[in-house]
C-alpha atoms as a PDB file:
ATOM      1  CA  MET A   1      -0.228   0.144   0.189  1.00  0.00           C
ATOM      2  CA  ARG A   2       1.160   3.109  -0.906  1.00  0.00           C
ATOM      3  CA  PHE A   3       0.233   6.619   1.039  1.00  0.00           C
ATOM      4  CA  VAL A   4       0.059   9.588  -1.463  1.00  0.00           C
ATOM      5  CA  ASP A   5      -0.193  13.043   0.421  1.00  0.00           C
ATOM      6  CA  LEU A   6      -2.795  15.074  -1.762  1.00  0.00           C
ATOM      7  CA  SER A   7      -2.398  18.452   0.573  1.00  0.00           C
ATOM      8  CA  VAL A   8      -0.571  21.464   0.550  1.00  0.00           C
ATOM      9  CA  ALA A   9       1.464  23.117   3.531  1.00  0.00           C
ATOM     10  CA  VAL A  10      -0.078  25.126   5.858  1.00  0.00           C
ATOM     11  CA  GLU A  11       2.458  28.106   5.529  1.00  0.00           C
ATOM     12  CA  PRO A  12       3.074  32.096   4.226  1.00  0.00           C
ATOM     13  CA  SER A  13       2.598  31.933   0.890  1.00  0.00           C
ATOM     14  CA  PRO A  14       1.976  34.290  -2.155  1.00  0.00           C
ATOM     15  CA  SER A  15      -1.078  32.000  -3.048  1.00  0.00           C
ATOM     16  CA  GLU A  16      -3.190  33.052   0.114  1.00  0.00           C
ATOM     17  CA  PRO A  17      -4.558  35.745  -0.391  1.00  0.00           C
ATOM     18  CA  VAL A  18      -5.692  36.122   3.676  1.00  0.00           C
ATOM     19  CA  PRO A  19      -1.546  35.880   5.233  1.00  0.00           C
ATOM     20  CA  VAL A  20      -0.957  32.934   7.202  1.00  0.00           C
ATOM     21  CA  GLU A  21       1.148  34.131  10.357  1.00  0.00           C
ATOM     22  CA  ILE A  22       3.318  31.249  12.014  1.00  0.00           C
ATOM     23  CA  THR A  23       5.311  32.403  15.399  1.00  0.00           C
ATOM     24  CA  TYR A  24       7.722  29.927  16.467  1.00  0.00           C
ATOM     25  CA  VAL A  25       8.596  29.415  20.019  1.00  0.00           C
ATOM     26  CA  THR A  26      11.832  27.804  20.092  1.00  0.00           C
ATOM     27  CA  HIS A  27      12.651  24.700  22.709  1.00  0.00           C
ATOM     28  CA  ALA A  28      14.891  27.637  24.793  1.00  0.00           C
ATOM     29  CA  GLU A  29      11.672  29.943  24.843  1.00  0.00           C
ATOM     30  CA  GLY A  30       9.425  26.924  25.771  1.00  0.00           C
ATOM     31  CA  ALA A  31      11.329  26.336  28.529  1.00  0.00           C
ATOM     32  CA  ASP A  32      10.650  30.197  29.831  1.00  0.00           C
ATOM     33  CA  LEU A  33       7.293  29.412  29.486  1.00  0.00           C
ATOM     34  CA  LEU A  34       7.039  26.100  30.573  1.00  0.00           C
ATOM     35  CA  GLY A  35       8.639  27.286  33.932  1.00  0.00           C
ATOM     36  CA  GLY A  36       7.463  30.675  34.364  1.00  0.00           C
ATOM     37  CA  PRO A  37       4.725  30.335  36.425  1.00  0.00           C
ATOM     38  CA  ALA A  38       6.455  28.521  39.002  1.00  0.00           C
ATOM     39  CA  GLY A  39       9.514  31.178  38.826  1.00  0.00           C
ATOM     40  CA  LEU A  40      11.618  28.702  36.963  1.00  0.00           C
ATOM     41  CA  ASP A  41      13.565  29.353  33.231  1.00  0.00           C
ATOM     42  CA  ARG A  42      15.596  27.503  30.765  1.00  0.00           C
ATOM     43  CA  ARG A  43      18.807  27.361  33.268  1.00  0.00           C
ATOM     44  CA  HIS A  44      16.483  24.613  35.748  1.00  0.00           C
ATOM     45  CA  PHE A  45      15.607  22.085  32.509  1.00  0.00           C
ATOM     46  CA  PRO A  46      17.615  20.019  31.277  1.00  0.00           C
ATOM     47  CA  ASP A  47      20.223  20.971  28.091  1.00  0.00           C
ATOM     48  CA  GLY A  48      18.430  24.498  28.765  1.00  0.00           C
ATOM     49  CA  LYS A  49      15.190  23.322  26.542  1.00  0.00           C
ATOM     50  CA  GLY A  50      11.716  22.984  27.028  1.00  0.00           C
ATOM     51  CA  LEU A  51       9.430  22.424  24.496  1.00  0.00           C
ATOM     52  CA  SER A  52       8.602  23.976  21.231  1.00  0.00           C
ATOM     53  CA  LEU A  53       5.163  25.531  19.880  1.00  0.00           C
ATOM     54  CA  GLU A  54       3.743  27.326  17.535  1.00  0.00           C
ATOM     55  CA  HIS A  55       1.036  30.217  17.222  1.00  0.00           C
ATOM     56  CA  VAL A  56      -0.894  29.770  14.067  1.00  0.00           C
ATOM     57  CA  THR A  57      -2.877  32.918  12.448  1.00  0.00           C
ATOM     58  CA  LEU A  58      -5.236  31.653   9.593  1.00  0.00           C
ATOM     59  CA  THR A  59      -8.604  30.961   8.245  1.00  0.00           C
ATOM     60  CA  SER A  60     -10.914  28.128   7.924  1.00  0.00           C
ATOM     61  CA  HIS A  61     -10.362  27.963   4.520  1.00  0.00           C
ATOM     62  CA  THR A  62      -6.276  28.362   4.475  1.00  0.00           C
ATOM     63  CA  ALA A  63      -4.487  25.649   2.604  1.00  0.00           C
ATOM     64  CA  THR A  64      -6.114  21.733   1.559  1.00  0.00           C
ATOM     65  CA  HIS A  65      -9.661  22.187   3.417  1.00  0.00           C
ATOM     66  CA  VAL A  66     -13.339  20.992   3.126  1.00  0.00           C
ATOM     67  CA  ASP A  67     -16.264  22.888   2.636  1.00  0.00           C
ATOM     68  CA  ALA A  68     -19.337  21.943   4.889  1.00  0.00           C
ATOM     69  CA  PRO A  69     -22.996  22.782   3.510  1.00  0.00           C
ATOM     70  CA  ALA A  70     -22.849  25.998   5.818  1.00  0.00           C
ATOM     71  CA  HIS A  71     -20.361  27.651   4.206  1.00  0.00           C
ATOM     72  CA  TYR A  72     -23.178  27.777   0.738  1.00  0.00           C
ATOM     73  CA  GLY A  73     -25.565  29.292   2.549  1.00  0.00           C
ATOM     74  CA  PRO A  74     -27.854  29.214   6.096  1.00  0.00           C
ATOM     75  CA  LEU A  75     -29.957  26.498   4.301  1.00  0.00           C
ATOM     76  CA  CYS A  76     -29.161  23.297   2.822  1.00  0.00           C
ATOM     77  CA  GLU A  77     -32.459  20.977   1.374  1.00  0.00           C
ATOM     78  CA  GLY A  78     -34.475  23.195   3.841  1.00  0.00           C
ATOM     79  CA  LYS A  79     -33.494  22.461   6.562  1.00  0.00           C
ATOM     80  CA  THR A  80     -30.524  24.337   8.901  1.00  0.00           C
ATOM     81  CA  ALA A  81     -27.082  24.069   6.463  1.00  0.00           C
ATOM     82  CA  ARG A  82     -24.810  21.206   8.381  1.00  0.00           C
ATOM     83  CA  THR A  83     -21.520  22.641   9.728  1.00  0.00           C
ATOM     84  CA  ILE A  84     -18.437  20.849   9.589  1.00  0.00           C
ATOM     85  CA  ASP A  85     -18.213  19.506  12.507  1.00  0.00           C
ATOM     86  CA  ALA A  86     -21.507  18.038  12.575  1.00  0.00           C
ATOM     87  CA  MET A  87     -20.964  16.356   8.875  1.00  0.00           C
ATOM     88  CA  PRO A  88     -20.589  12.406   9.280  1.00  0.00           C
ATOM     89  CA  LEU A  89     -17.543  10.584   9.400  1.00  0.00           C
ATOM     90  CA  GLU A  90     -18.361   8.142   6.716  1.00  0.00           C
ATOM     91  CA  TRP A  91     -18.330  10.762   4.239  1.00  0.00           C
ATOM     92  CA  PHE A  92     -15.054  11.524   4.110  1.00  0.00           C
ATOM     93  CA  HIS A  93     -13.144   7.763   4.369  1.00  0.00           C
ATOM     94  CA  GLY A  94     -13.713   5.837   0.843  1.00  0.00           C
ATOM     95  CA  HIS A  95     -13.252   4.468  -2.798  1.00  0.00           C
ATOM     96  CA  GLY A  96     -11.414   7.231  -4.621  1.00  0.00           C
ATOM     97  CA  VAL A  97     -11.816   8.344  -8.549  1.00  0.00           C
ATOM     98  CA  LEU A  98      -9.689  10.532 -10.347  1.00  0.00           C
ATOM     99  CA  LEU A  99     -10.711  12.774 -13.058  1.00  0.00           C
ATOM    100  CA  ASN A 100      -8.408  14.024 -15.583  1.00  0.00           C
ATOM    101  CA  CYS A 101      -9.615  17.233 -16.715  1.00  0.00           C
ATOM    102  CA  THR A 102      -6.538  18.414 -17.712  1.00  0.00           C
ATOM    103  CA  ASN A 103      -7.641  19.627 -21.531  1.00  0.00           C
ATOM    104  CA  ALA A 104      -5.972  22.778 -22.215  1.00  0.00           C
ATOM    105  CA  SER A 105      -9.506  24.639 -21.971  1.00  0.00           C
ATOM    106  CA  GLU A 106      -9.573  27.514 -19.675  1.00  0.00           C
ATOM    107  CA  ARG A 107     -13.474  27.456 -19.178  1.00  0.00           C
ATOM    108  CA  PRO A 108     -14.692  25.574 -15.926  1.00  0.00           C
ATOM    109  CA  VAL A 109     -14.977  21.730 -15.788  1.00  0.00           C
ATOM    110  CA  SER A 110     -18.500  20.463 -17.531  1.00  0.00           C
ATOM    111  CA  GLU A 111     -20.982  18.327 -17.053  1.00  0.00           C
ATOM    112  CA  HIS A 112     -19.602  16.678 -20.991  1.00  0.00           C
ATOM    113  CA  ASP A 113     -16.056  16.591 -19.268  1.00  0.00           C
ATOM    114  CA  VAL A 114     -17.022  14.287 -16.554  1.00  0.00           C
ATOM    115  CA  ARG A 115     -19.221  12.405 -18.743  1.00  0.00           C
ATOM    116  CA  SER A 116     -16.456  11.846 -20.872  1.00  0.00           C
ATOM    117  CA  GLU A 117     -13.679  11.473 -18.659  1.00  0.00           C
ATOM    118  CA  LEU A 118     -15.552   8.303 -17.456  1.00  0.00           C
ATOM    119  CA  ASP A 119     -15.990   6.912 -20.750  1.00  0.00           C
ATOM    120  CA  ARG A 120     -12.634   7.249 -21.026  1.00  0.00           C
ATOM    121  CA  ILE A 121     -11.607   5.442 -17.907  1.00  0.00           C
ATOM    122  CA  GLY A 122     -14.703   3.117 -18.131  1.00  0.00           C
ATOM    123  CA  TYR A 123     -15.823   3.539 -14.801  1.00  0.00           C
ATOM    124  CA  GLN A 124     -19.694   4.074 -13.457  1.00  0.00           C
ATOM    125  CA  ILE A 125     -20.170   6.223 -10.450  1.00  0.00           C
ATOM    126  CA  ARG A 126     -21.442   4.267  -7.168  1.00  0.00           C
ATOM    127  CA  PRO A 127     -22.948   5.901  -4.074  1.00  0.00           C
ATOM    128  CA  GLY A 128     -20.390   7.466  -1.733  1.00  0.00           C
ATOM    129  CA  ASP A 129     -17.486   7.363  -4.111  1.00  0.00           C
ATOM    130  CA  ILE A 130     -15.211  10.430  -3.151  1.00  0.00           C
ATOM    131  CA  VAL A 131     -14.122  12.267  -6.805  1.00  0.00           C
ATOM    132  CA  LEU A 132     -10.917  14.053  -7.469  1.00  0.00           C
ATOM    133  CA  LEU A 133     -10.779  16.512 -10.149  1.00  0.00           C
ATOM    134  CA  HIS A 134      -7.226  16.768 -11.306  1.00  0.00           C
ATOM    135  CA  THR A 135      -6.584  20.374 -13.561  1.00  0.00           C
ATOM    136  CA  GLY A 136      -3.475  21.105 -12.680  1.00  0.00           C
ATOM    137  CA  ALA A 137      -3.374  24.154 -10.893  1.00  0.00           C
ATOM    138  CA  ASP A 138      -1.638  22.644  -8.504  1.00  0.00           C
ATOM    139  CA  ARG A 139       2.016  23.638 -10.373  1.00  0.00           C
ATOM    140  CA  LEU A 140       0.739  27.037  -9.908  1.00  0.00           C
ATOM    141  CA  TRP A 141       0.605  26.794  -5.803  1.00  0.00           C
ATOM    142  CA  GLY A 142       3.486  29.339  -4.195  1.00  0.00           C
ATOM    143  CA  THR A 143       2.957  31.795  -6.739  1.00  0.00           C
ATOM    144  CA  PRO A 144       0.199  34.610  -6.882  1.00  0.00           C
ATOM    145  CA  GLU A 145      -1.331  33.001  -9.719  1.00  0.00           C
ATOM    146  CA  TYR A 146      -2.764  30.112  -7.848  1.00  0.00           C
ATOM    147  CA  PHE A 147      -5.052  32.888  -6.557  1.00  0.00           C
ATOM    148  CA  THR A 148      -6.076  33.726 -10.257  1.00  0.00           C
ATOM    149  CA  ASP A 149      -5.524  31.162 -12.901  1.00  0.00           C
ATOM    150  CA  PHE A 150      -7.471  27.937 -12.792  1.00  0.00           C
ATOM    151  CA  ARG A 151     -10.732  26.640 -14.102  1.00  0.00           C
ATOM    152  CA  GLY A 152     -12.989  25.717 -11.685  1.00  0.00           C
ATOM    153  CA  VAL A 153     -16.010  23.423 -11.869  1.00  0.00           C
ATOM    154  CA  THR A 154     -19.647  24.145 -13.091  1.00  0.00           C
ATOM    155  CA  ARG A 155     -23.294  23.859 -11.245  1.00  0.00           C
ATOM    156  CA  GLU A 156     -23.778  21.258 -14.392  1.00  0.00           C
ATOM    157  CA  ALA A 157     -20.748  19.302 -13.621  1.00  0.00           C
ATOM    158  CA  THR A 158     -21.299  19.358  -9.223  1.00  0.00           C
ATOM    159  CA  ALA A 159     -25.115  18.252 -10.144  1.00  0.00           C
ATOM    160  CA  CYS A 160     -23.982  15.717 -12.357  1.00  0.00           C
ATOM    161  CA  LEU A 161     -21.904  13.808  -9.559  1.00  0.00           C
ATOM    162  CA  VAL A 162     -24.084  14.679  -6.576  1.00  0.00           C
ATOM    163  CA  GLU A 163     -26.990  13.382  -7.937  1.00  0.00           C
ATOM    164  CA  GLN A 164     -25.058   9.872  -8.785  1.00  0.00           C
ATOM    165  CA  GLY A 165     -24.275   9.643  -5.167  1.00  0.00           C
ATOM    166  CA  VAL A 166     -21.476  11.578  -4.574  1.00  0.00           C
ATOM    167  CA  ARG A 167     -20.768  13.797  -1.377  1.00  0.00           C
ATOM    168  CA  VAL A 168     -17.411  14.692  -1.027  1.00  0.00           C
ATOM    169  CA  ILE A 169     -15.948  16.347  -4.925  1.00  0.00           C
ATOM    170  CA  GLY A 170     -12.148  17.620  -4.574  1.00  0.00           C
ATOM    171  CA  VAL A 171     -10.673  19.526  -6.858  1.00  0.00           C
ATOM    172  CA  ASP A 172      -6.858  20.174  -6.884  1.00  0.00           C
ATOM    173  CA  SER A 173      -7.209  24.860  -7.343  1.00  0.00           C
ATOM    174  CA  PHE A 174      -7.902  27.611  -5.260  1.00  0.00           C
ATOM    175  CA  GLY A 175     -11.549  27.135  -5.571  1.00  0.00           C
ATOM    176  CA  PHE A 176     -14.343  25.308  -6.600  1.00  0.00           C
ATOM    177  CA  ASP A 177     -15.983  27.714  -8.953  1.00  0.00           C
ATOM    178  CA  ALA A 178     -13.980  29.905 -11.297  1.00  0.00           C
ATOM    179  CA  PRO A 179     -11.908  32.635 -10.548  1.00  0.00           C
ATOM    180  CA  PHE A 180     -13.299  35.371  -8.385  1.00  0.00           C
ATOM    181  CA  GLN A 181     -12.620  38.128 -10.570  1.00  0.00           C
ATOM    182  CA  LYS A 182     -13.929  36.035 -13.534  1.00  0.00           C
ATOM    183  CA  MET A 183     -17.380  35.574 -12.066  1.00  0.00           C
ATOM    184  CA  LEU A 184     -17.324  39.422 -10.697  1.00  0.00           C
ATOM    185  CA  ALA A 185     -16.795  40.357 -14.304  1.00  0.00           C
ATOM    186  CA  ASP A 186     -19.429  38.128 -15.514  1.00  0.00           C
ATOM    187  CA  TYR A 187     -22.105  39.180 -13.208  1.00  0.00           C
ATOM    188  CA  GLN A 188     -21.528  42.928 -14.057  1.00  0.00           C
ATOM    189  CA  ALA A 189     -21.922  41.924 -17.716  1.00  0.00           C
ATOM    190  CA  SER A 190     -24.785  40.213 -17.792  1.00  0.00           C
ATOM    191  CA  GLY A 191     -26.900  40.970 -14.391  1.00  0.00           C
ATOM    192  CA  ASP A 192     -27.232  37.643 -14.039  1.00  0.00           C
ATOM    193  CA  GLN A 193     -26.734  35.788 -10.005  1.00  0.00           C
ATOM    194  CA  ASP A 194     -26.219  32.621 -11.555  1.00  0.00           C
ATOM    195  CA  ALA A 195     -22.671  33.802 -12.745  1.00  0.00           C
ATOM    196  CA  LEU A 196     -21.773  34.043  -8.748  1.00  0.00           C
ATOM    197  CA  TRP A 197     -20.460  31.141  -7.133  1.00  0.00           C
ATOM    198  CA  PRO A 198     -22.849  28.525  -8.934  1.00  0.00           C
ATOM    199  CA  ALA A 199     -21.438  25.066  -7.606  1.00  0.00           C
ATOM    200  CA  HIS A 200     -21.171  26.632  -4.280  1.00  0.00           C
ATOM    201  CA  PHE A 201     -24.708  27.548  -4.045  1.00  0.00           C
ATOM    202  CA  TYR A 202     -25.701  24.292  -6.191  1.00  0.00           C
ATOM    203  CA  GLY A 203     -24.783  23.421  -2.239  1.00  0.00           C
ATOM    204  CA  ARG A 204     -28.020  24.949  -1.195  1.00  0.00           C
ATOM    205  CA  GLU A 205     -30.090  22.506  -2.932  1.00  0.00           C
ATOM    206  CA  ARG A 206     -28.192  19.535  -2.705  1.00  0.00           C
ATOM    207  CA  GLU A 207     -25.928  18.404   0.302  1.00  0.00           C
ATOM    208  CA  TYR A 208     -22.624  17.815  -0.321  1.00  0.00           C
ATOM    209  CA  CYS A 209     -19.040  18.642   0.366  1.00  0.00           C
ATOM    210  CA  GLN A 210     -16.228  20.409  -1.178  1.00  0.00           C
ATOM    211  CA  ILE A 211     -12.631  19.827  -1.060  1.00  0.00           C
ATOM    212  CA  GLU A 212     -10.444  22.609  -2.231  1.00  0.00           C
ATOM    213  CA  ARG A 213      -6.690  22.955  -2.669  1.00  0.00           C
ATOM    214  CA  LEU A 214      -5.631  19.476  -3.642  1.00  0.00           C
ATOM    215  CA  ALA A 215      -2.007  18.509  -4.664  1.00  0.00           C
ATOM    216  CA  ASN A 216      -0.095  15.783  -6.005  1.00  0.00           C
ATOM    217  CA  LEU A 217      -2.758  14.359  -7.674  1.00  0.00           C
ATOM    218  CA  THR A 218      -0.573  12.987 -10.672  1.00  0.00           C
ATOM    219  CA  SER A 219       0.972  10.232  -7.919  1.00  0.00           C
ATOM    220  CA  ILE A 220      -2.292   8.664  -7.575  1.00  0.00           C
ATOM    221  CA  GLY A 221      -1.373   6.580 -10.735  1.00  0.00           C
ATOM    222  CA  ARG A 222      -4.744   5.020 -11.623  1.00  0.00           C
ATOM    223  CA  SER A 223      -8.045   6.660 -11.969  1.00  0.00           C
ATOM    224  CA  HIS A 224      -9.951   4.695  -9.507  1.00  0.00           C
ATOM    225  CA  GLY A 225      -9.495   1.193  -7.346  1.00  0.00           C
ATOM    226  CA  PHE A 226      -7.847   3.155  -4.256  1.00  0.00           C
ATOM    227  CA  THR A 227      -8.930   4.937  -1.108  1.00  0.00           C
ATOM    228  CA  VAL A 228      -9.227   8.420   0.280  1.00  0.00           C
ATOM    229  CA  SER A 229      -9.090   9.943   3.826  1.00  0.00           C
ATOM    230  CA  CYS A 230      -9.700  13.561   4.293  1.00  0.00           C
ATOM    231  CA  PHE A 231     -11.752  13.764   7.491  1.00  0.00           C
ATOM    232  CA  PRO A 232     -11.748  17.588   8.634  1.00  0.00           C
ATOM    233  CA  ILE A 233     -10.941  19.072  11.798  1.00  0.00           C
ATOM    234  CA  LYS A 234     -13.674  19.736  13.889  1.00  0.00           C
ATOM    235  CA  VAL A 235     -14.012  23.349  14.385  1.00  0.00           C
ATOM    236  CA  LYS A 236     -17.037  24.181  15.954  1.00  0.00           C
ATOM    237  CA  ASP A 237     -19.720  25.339  14.063  1.00  0.00           C
ATOM    238  CA  ALA A 238     -18.123  26.249  10.982  1.00  0.00           C
ATOM    239  CA  GLY A 239     -18.201  26.356   7.303  1.00  0.00           C
ATOM    240  CA  ALA A 240     -15.263  24.248   7.097  1.00  0.00           C
ATOM    241  CA  GLY A 241     -12.141  22.689   8.422  1.00  0.00           C
ATOM    242  CA  TRP A 242      -8.698  21.655   7.440  1.00  0.00           C
ATOM    243  CA  SER A 243      -7.548  18.130   5.964  1.00  0.00           C
ATOM    244  CA  ARG A 244      -4.614  16.101   5.793  1.00  0.00           C
ATOM    245  CA  VAL A 245      -6.147  14.420   2.234  1.00  0.00           C
ATOM    246  CA  VAL A 246      -4.202  11.117   1.339  1.00  0.00           C
ATOM    247  CA  ALA A 247      -4.547   8.825  -1.056  1.00  0.00           C
ATOM    248  CA  MET A 248      -4.216   4.938  -0.618  1.00  0.00           C
ATOM    249  CA  VAL A 249      -3.201   2.634  -3.050  1.00  0.00           C
ATOM    250  CA  PRO A 250      -2.521  -0.772  -3.567  1.00  0.00           C
ATOM    251  CA  GLU A 251       1.227  -1.501  -4.510  1.00  0.00           C
ATOM    252  CA  ASP A 252      -0.231  -3.827  -7.321  1.00  0.00           C
ATOM    253  CA  ASP A 253      -0.486  -1.010  -9.537  1.00  0.00           C
ATOM    254  CA  GLN A 254       3.337  -0.710 -10.056  1.00  0.00           C
END
């Protein structure tokens, strides 16, 4: 069994529009911190060192993360939308399907793209599958272009998968919909509200979760027959939670 890390790091990066701040407390500083309440400092610790610590400032949508229905709107399927800590754990561990969406088009991934790729790999979606969309956008991680140069996924492509029983869909780009500036420009040109976050807002009608900012999908090496683990961190009443997404691939694919 191979374990493939499909996540980007939580780190200060030009790819993050909201800056990530990490303050590292050294082992020596940790000794002062731990000993302070008792009037001790690093001189009293073995080798002058205690325990290290990090202070991290970030959003729930930093790095690789899972979006819950509560992120898309207050209601889902006519009921209060569930937050990330309320989602069923069984949604986040299951059979994985990798769809190659790396054609040269700059438009969002369409329903036709999804169905054509499923035909090409000869696979029929099963309820509970975790579908990963490989667009190639992760190659821009670490650059400002990661925030602006990606395809996104259409509402119709999302619905195509959800209506077949998929509850978790992941993508290797900054966001699930088209880049912010493109959606806003489309709305300004047309006045059509459907131009704004259509795949996200579909989650007000049908319950599903997105994984954004996946990476390293090519290392899976197969289109199906592997397992995905993508449990989100349990952030109370939040619309998203960070995840260390991992693919578990049988060695017989070598």
